[in-house]
């Protein structure tokens, strides 16, 4: 998912350079949404691994 976020970010930067403001804005918004979803999954995965480790030591 982070890969897709970076792809849309690059697409937004290229579109902005060529003056396609609407496309650049849409691609940047998609990249931002995908990035925050990735961060949420990262935090959730980290918390679940901590919970599983604490259950395994009892």
N, C-alpha and C. Protein backbone atom coordinates (compact mmCIF):
# COMPACT_ATOMS: atom_id res chain seq x y z
N UNK A 1 0.82 -1.19 0.00
CA UNK A 1 0.00 0.00 0.00
C UNK A 1 0.87 1.25 0.00
N UNK A 2 1.98 1.17 0.68
CA UNK A 2 2.90 2.31 0.66
C UNK A 2 3.43 2.53 -0.75
N UNK A 3 3.59 1.45 -1.49
CA UNK A 3 4.05 1.57 -2.88
C UNK A 3 3.06 2.37 -3.71
N UNK A 4 1.76 2.09 -3.55
CA UNK A 4 0.74 2.82 -4.30
C UNK A 4 0.71 4.28 -3.89
N UNK A 5 0.92 4.53 -2.62
CA UNK A 5 0.95 5.91 -2.14
C UNK A 5 2.09 6.68 -2.80
N UNK A 6 3.24 6.05 -2.89
CA UNK A 6 4.39 6.70 -3.54
C UNK A 6 4.16 6.88 -5.04
N UNK A 7 3.50 5.91 -5.68
CA UNK A 7 3.21 6.03 -7.11
C UNK A 7 2.29 7.23 -7.36
N UNK A 8 1.23 7.37 -6.55
CA UNK A 8 0.32 8.49 -6.73
C UNK A 8 0.99 9.82 -6.39
N UNK A 9 1.91 9.80 -5.45
CA UNK A 9 2.65 11.02 -5.12
C UNK A 9 3.51 11.46 -6.31
N UNK A 10 4.21 10.52 -6.91
CA UNK A 10 5.03 10.85 -8.09
C UNK A 10 4.15 11.31 -9.23
N UNK A 11 3.02 10.64 -9.43
CA UNK A 11 2.07 11.06 -10.48
C UNK A 11 1.59 12.48 -10.24
N UNK A 12 1.31 12.82 -8.99
CA UNK A 12 0.87 14.18 -8.66
C UNK A 12 1.97 15.20 -8.94
N UNK A 13 3.20 14.86 -8.61
CA UNK A 13 4.30 15.79 -8.87
C UNK A 13 4.53 15.99 -10.36
N UNK A 14 4.45 14.92 -11.13
CA UNK A 14 4.62 15.04 -12.58
C UNK A 14 3.49 15.86 -13.19
N UNK A 15 2.25 15.60 -12.75
CA UNK A 15 1.10 16.35 -13.27
C UNK A 15 1.21 17.83 -12.90
N UNK A 16 1.71 18.12 -11.71
CA UNK A 16 1.86 19.51 -11.28
C UNK A 16 2.91 20.23 -12.14
N UNK A 17 3.98 19.53 -12.48
CA UNK A 17 5.02 20.13 -13.31
C UNK A 17 4.47 20.50 -14.69
N UNK A 18 3.61 19.65 -15.23
CA UNK A 18 3.05 19.91 -16.56
C UNK A 18 1.81 20.79 -16.52
N UNK A 19 1.37 21.20 -15.34
CA UNK A 19 0.28 22.15 -15.22
C UNK A 19 -1.10 21.56 -15.17
N UNK A 20 -1.22 20.27 -14.93
CA UNK A 20 -2.53 19.64 -14.80
C UNK A 20 -2.95 19.69 -13.33
N UNK A 21 -3.50 20.83 -12.92
CA UNK A 21 -3.81 21.05 -11.51
C UNK A 21 -4.83 20.10 -10.95
N UNK A 22 -5.89 19.82 -11.70
CA UNK A 22 -6.93 18.93 -11.21
C UNK A 22 -6.44 17.51 -11.01
N UNK A 23 -5.67 17.03 -11.97
CA UNK A 23 -5.13 15.68 -11.87
C UNK A 23 -4.11 15.60 -10.74
N UNK A 24 -3.30 16.62 -10.61
CA UNK A 24 -2.29 16.64 -9.55
C UNK A 24 -2.95 16.64 -8.18
N UNK A 25 -4.01 17.43 -8.03
CA UNK A 25 -4.71 17.48 -6.75
C UNK A 25 -5.36 16.16 -6.40
N UNK A 26 -5.98 15.53 -7.40
CA UNK A 26 -6.63 14.24 -7.16
C UNK A 26 -5.61 13.16 -6.80
N UNK A 27 -4.50 13.12 -7.53
CA UNK A 27 -3.47 12.12 -7.25
C UNK A 27 -2.83 12.36 -5.89
N UNK A 28 -2.64 13.61 -5.52
CA UNK A 28 -2.07 13.92 -4.20
C UNK A 28 -3.03 13.51 -3.09
N UNK A 29 -4.32 13.71 -3.30
CA UNK A 29 -5.31 13.31 -2.31
C UNK A 29 -5.33 11.80 -2.13
N UNK A 30 -5.27 11.08 -3.24
CA UNK A 30 -5.24 9.61 -3.16
C UNK A 30 -3.98 9.14 -2.45
N UNK A 31 -2.85 9.76 -2.76
CA UNK A 31 -1.60 9.38 -2.11
C UNK A 31 -1.66 9.65 -0.61
N UNK A 32 -2.26 10.76 -0.22
CA UNK A 32 -2.38 11.10 1.19
C UNK A 32 -3.27 10.10 1.93
N UNK A 33 -4.39 9.75 1.32
CA UNK A 33 -5.32 8.79 1.94
C UNK A 33 -4.64 7.43 2.10
N UNK A 34 -3.98 6.96 1.03
CA UNK A 34 -3.32 5.65 1.09
C UNK A 34 -2.19 5.65 2.12
N UNK A 35 -1.48 6.76 2.24
CA UNK A 35 -0.41 6.85 3.23
C UNK A 35 -0.95 6.72 4.65
N UNK A 36 -2.05 7.42 4.94
CA UNK A 36 -2.61 7.35 6.29
C UNK A 36 -3.21 5.98 6.58
N UNK A 37 -3.77 5.32 5.57
CA UNK A 37 -4.25 3.95 5.76
C UNK A 37 -3.07 3.04 6.08
N UNK A 38 -1.95 3.22 5.36
CA UNK A 38 -0.75 2.44 5.63
C UNK A 38 -0.25 2.66 7.05
N UNK A 39 -0.23 3.90 7.49
CA UNK A 39 0.24 4.20 8.85
C UNK A 39 -0.69 3.57 9.88
N UNK A 40 -1.99 3.62 9.64
CA UNK A 40 -2.95 3.01 10.57
C UNK A 40 -2.73 1.50 10.66
N UNK A 41 -2.51 0.84 9.51
CA UNK A 41 -2.24 -0.60 9.52
C UNK A 41 -0.92 -0.91 10.21
N UNK A 42 0.06 -0.06 10.04
CA UNK A 42 1.36 -0.24 10.69
C UNK A 42 1.20 -0.19 12.21
N UNK A 43 0.49 0.81 12.70
CA UNK A 43 0.27 0.95 14.15
C UNK A 43 -0.54 -0.22 14.69
N UNK A 44 -1.59 -0.61 13.96
CA UNK A 44 -2.42 -1.74 14.37
C UNK A 44 -1.60 -3.02 14.42
N UNK A 45 -0.77 -3.25 13.43
CA UNK A 45 0.09 -4.43 13.41
C UNK A 45 1.07 -4.43 14.58
N UNK A 46 1.64 -3.27 14.87
CA UNK A 46 2.57 -3.16 15.99
C UNK A 46 1.88 -3.46 17.31
N UNK A 47 0.68 -2.91 17.50
CA UNK A 47 -0.06 -3.15 18.74
C UNK A 47 -0.47 -4.61 18.88
N UNK A 48 -0.90 -5.22 17.79
CA UNK A 48 -1.29 -6.62 17.85
C UNK A 48 -0.09 -7.52 18.14
N UNK A 49 1.07 -7.17 17.62
CA UNK A 49 2.26 -7.97 17.92
C UNK A 49 2.65 -7.84 19.38
N UNK A 50 2.48 -6.65 19.96
CA UNK A 50 2.76 -6.48 21.39
C UNK A 50 1.79 -7.28 22.25
N UNK A 51 0.53 -7.30 21.85
CA UNK A 51 -0.48 -8.05 22.59
C UNK A 51 -0.19 -9.54 22.52
N UNK A 52 0.16 -10.03 21.33
CA UNK A 52 0.46 -11.45 21.17
C UNK A 52 1.71 -11.85 21.92
N UNK A 53 2.71 -11.00 21.99
CA UNK A 53 3.93 -11.31 22.74
C UNK A 53 3.64 -11.38 24.24
N UNK A 54 2.78 -10.49 24.72
CA UNK A 54 2.48 -10.50 26.14
C UNK A 54 1.65 -11.72 26.52
N UNK A 55 0.81 -12.21 25.65
CA UNK A 55 0.04 -13.42 25.93
C UNK A 55 0.92 -14.66 25.90
N UNK A 56 1.95 -14.66 25.09
CA UNK A 56 2.82 -15.82 24.96
C UNK A 56 3.76 -16.00 26.13
N UNK A 57 4.03 -14.98 26.93
CA UNK A 57 4.98 -15.08 28.03
C UNK A 57 4.33 -15.54 29.33
N UNK A 58 3.04 -15.66 29.36
CA UNK A 58 2.37 -16.07 30.60
C UNK A 58 2.40 -17.54 30.81
